[in-house]
Protein backbone atom coordinates (compact mmCIF):
# COMPACT_ATOMS: atom_id res chain seq x y z
CA UNK A 1 11.86 9.65 1.41
CA UNK A 2 10.21 7.07 3.78
CA UNK A 3 12.66 4.85 5.54
CA UNK A 4 11.16 1.56 5.95
CA UNK A 5 14.03 -0.26 7.23
CA UNK A 6 13.35 -3.34 4.78
CA UNK A 7 16.13 -5.86 3.77
CA UNK A 8 14.84 -8.57 1.94
CA UNK A 9 15.34 -8.26 -1.65
CA UNK A 10 14.57 -11.55 -3.49
CA UNK A 11 10.57 -10.36 -2.62
CA UNK A 12 11.37 -7.04 -4.95
CA UNK A 13 12.94 -9.15 -7.29
CA UNK A 14 9.84 -11.37 -7.41
CA UNK A 15 7.40 -8.10 -7.29
CA UNK A 16 8.75 -6.85 -10.95
CA UNK A 17 8.67 -10.26 -12.58
CA UNK A 18 4.76 -10.67 -11.46
CA UNK A 19 3.37 -7.02 -11.41
CA UNK A 20 2.84 -4.84 -14.48
CA UNK A 21 5.00 -1.70 -14.83
CA UNK A 22 2.12 0.33 -14.31
CA UNK A 23 0.92 -1.35 -10.63
CA UNK A 24 5.04 -1.65 -9.85
CA UNK A 25 5.40 2.59 -10.40
CA UNK A 26 2.21 2.72 -7.76
CA UNK A 27 3.83 0.64 -5.53
CA UNK A 28 7.09 1.99 -5.59
CA UNK A 29 6.24 5.43 -5.52
CA UNK A 30 3.92 4.56 -2.57
CA UNK A 31 6.98 3.08 -0.52
CA UNK A 32 9.21 5.95 -1.30
CA UNK A 33 7.02 8.30 -0.49
CA UNK A 34 7.57 10.42 -4.22
CA UNK A 35 3.66 10.67 -4.91
CA UNK A 36 1.81 13.42 -6.29
CA UNK A 37 -0.59 13.71 -3.58
CA UNK A 38 -1.10 17.00 -1.86
CA UNK A 39 1.05 16.31 1.40
CA UNK A 40 4.60 16.29 -1.12
CA UNK A 41 5.63 19.53 -1.39
CA UNK A 42 7.59 19.41 -4.60
CA UNK A 43 4.61 18.73 -6.79
CA UNK A 44 2.89 22.54 -5.80
CA UNK A 45 0.27 21.99 -4.83
CA UNK A 46 -1.71 25.26 -3.05
CA UNK A 47 -2.56 23.04 0.40
CA UNK A 48 -0.68 19.94 1.99
CA UNK A 49 -3.88 18.84 3.21
CA UNK A 50 -6.31 17.00 2.41
CA UNK A 51 -9.51 18.96 0.61
CA UNK A 52 -11.67 15.98 0.86
CA UNK A 53 -11.61 15.83 4.59
CA UNK A 54 -11.39 19.63 4.99
CA UNK A 55 -14.65 20.27 2.95
CA UNK A 56 -16.25 16.77 4.93
CA UNK A 57 -15.34 17.50 8.47
CA UNK A 58 -13.44 20.87 8.52
CA UNK A 59 -10.39 18.82 9.62
CA UNK A 60 -6.70 20.40 8.51
CA UNK A 61 -5.23 16.76 7.57
CA UNK A 62 -1.59 16.58 5.75
CA UNK A 63 -2.31 14.05 2.74
CA UNK A 64 0.33 12.14 2.57
CA UNK A 65 0.77 8.06 1.80
CA UNK A 66 -0.44 6.81 5.08
CA UNK A 67 -3.88 9.76 5.57
CA UNK A 68 -4.21 8.50 1.57
CA UNK A 69 -4.21 4.61 1.87
CA UNK A 70 -5.21 4.44 5.81
CA UNK A 71 -7.28 7.52 6.67
CA UNK A 72 -8.85 9.77 4.30
CA UNK A 73 -12.87 9.18 4.57
CA UNK A 74 -13.58 10.39 1.03
CA UNK A 75 -12.44 6.36 0.09
CA UNK A 76 -13.63 4.06 2.88
CA UNK A 77 -15.76 2.03 0.99
CA UNK A 78 -12.98 1.33 -1.67
CA UNK A 79 -10.84 1.04 1.36
CA UNK A 80 -13.45 -1.22 3.38
CA UNK A 81 -13.16 -3.45 -0.01
CA UNK A 82 -9.53 -3.80 -0.26
CA UNK A 83 -9.34 -4.45 3.44
CA UNK A 84 -11.71 -7.32 3.17
CA UNK A 85 -10.08 -8.82 -0.36
CA UNK A 86 -6.75 -9.05 1.33
CA UNK A 87 -8.18 -11.13 4.13
CA UNK A 88 -9.79 -13.57 1.66
CA UNK A 89 -6.40 -13.68 0.08
CA UNK A 90 -4.42 -13.76 2.99
CA UNK A 91 -7.17 -16.50 4.12
CA UNK A 92 -6.55 -18.67 0.97
CA UNK A 93 -2.55 -18.83 1.64
CA UNK A 94 -0.63 -17.64 4.73
CA UNK A 95 -3.43 -16.66 7.34
CA UNK A 96 -0.31 -13.55 8.51
CA UNK A 97 -2.14 -10.64 7.22
CA UNK A 98 -3.09 -7.64 10.08
CA UNK A 99 -5.75 -5.56 8.78
CA UNK A 100 -5.71 -2.97 12.22
CA UNK A 101 -5.27 0.87 11.00
CA UNK A 102 -1.51 0.97 12.95
CA UNK A 103 -0.17 -1.74 10.70
CA UNK A 104 -2.21 -1.37 7.78
CA UNK A 105 -0.04 0.68 5.21
CA UNK A 106 3.19 -1.27 6.20
CA UNK A 107 1.17 -4.78 5.57
CA UNK A 108 -0.28 -3.24 2.23
CA UNK A 109 2.78 -2.13 1.03
CA UNK A 110 5.04 -4.98 2.40
CA UNK A 111 2.57 -7.87 2.79
CA UNK A 112 4.64 -10.66 4.52
CA UNK A 113 7.64 -8.85 4.78
CA UNK A 114 8.47 -10.14 8.35
CA UNK A 115 7.61 -13.68 7.21
CA UNK A 116 9.58 -13.63 4.12
CA UNK A 117 12.76 -12.62 6.48
CA UNK A 118 12.38 -15.51 8.95
CA UNK A 119 14.85 -18.01 8.08
CA UNK A 120 12.59 -21.06 8.93
CA UNK A 121 9.87 -19.77 6.27
CA UNK A 122 12.99 -19.97 3.66
CA UNK A 123 13.33 -23.79 4.47
CA UNK A 124 9.76 -24.30 4.02
CA UNK A 125 9.69 -23.54 -0.04
CA UNK A 126 5.94 -24.03 -0.09
CA UNK A 127 5.09 -21.53 2.66
CA UNK A 128 7.70 -19.33 1.13
CA UNK A 129 5.87 -19.64 -2.73
CA UNK A 130 2.56 -19.14 -0.77
CA UNK A 131 3.64 -15.79 0.81
CA UNK A 132 5.05 -14.61 -2.45
CA UNK A 133 2.09 -15.00 -4.01
CA UNK A 134 0.00 -13.70 -1.74
CA UNK A 135 1.88 -10.80 -1.54
CA UNK A 136 1.85 -10.05 -5.20
CA UNK A 137 -1.72 -10.22 -5.05
CA UNK A 138 -2.23 -8.14 -1.84
CA UNK A 139 0.19 -5.33 -3.69
CA UNK A 140 -2.69 -5.81 -6.89
CA UNK A 141 -5.56 -4.57 -4.62
CA UNK A 142 -3.37 -2.05 -3.31
CA UNK A 143 -2.77 -0.77 -6.60
CA UNK A 144 -6.95 -1.37 -7.68
CA UNK A 145 -7.57 0.68 -4.27
CA UNK A 146 -5.18 3.34 -5.73
CA UNK A 147 -6.74 3.16 -9.38
CA UNK A 148 -10.19 3.19 -8.03
CA UNK A 149 -9.74 6.39 -5.82
CA UNK A 150 -8.81 8.63 -9.19
CA UNK A 151 -6.76 10.40 -7.18
CA UNK A 152 -3.43 9.07 -7.45
CA UNK A 153 -1.37 11.59 -9.03
CA UNK A 154 -3.54 14.06 -10.42
CA UNK A 155 -3.04 17.27 -11.45
CA UNK A 156 -5.09 18.82 -9.02
CA UNK A 157 -3.76 21.53 -7.37
């Protein structure tokens, strides 16, 4: 289980209403770390390492959520598209999204989390609504990335 230290519950209620069940499932599994990626022991994969990175670069890298979403060379084209779409969404709404690799996973899984917890934004309902709407759009882009990789939850062992 990944400990993200997240406390803002209203955003999650909004997400559950606005995302389709399949997307909500993907987001919840990525957030909790309960995924069918090689790095998760409970799914019984033969290796915890990323097979694609091993074949391409001869690297021994654990295929966990961070590697899958942020680092795996196999999905760099899809990741670039996802990041570009997130930046466009951000420019349209809040202009707060950070697309550097250190914060990318957090910003994809919890878009605008810190801003939504800020008491000043809760007073400005227009800004809050814009952040929540862009949060949903970014989560949809993340789900599109996941579906585009054709690897998430596969039975490949």
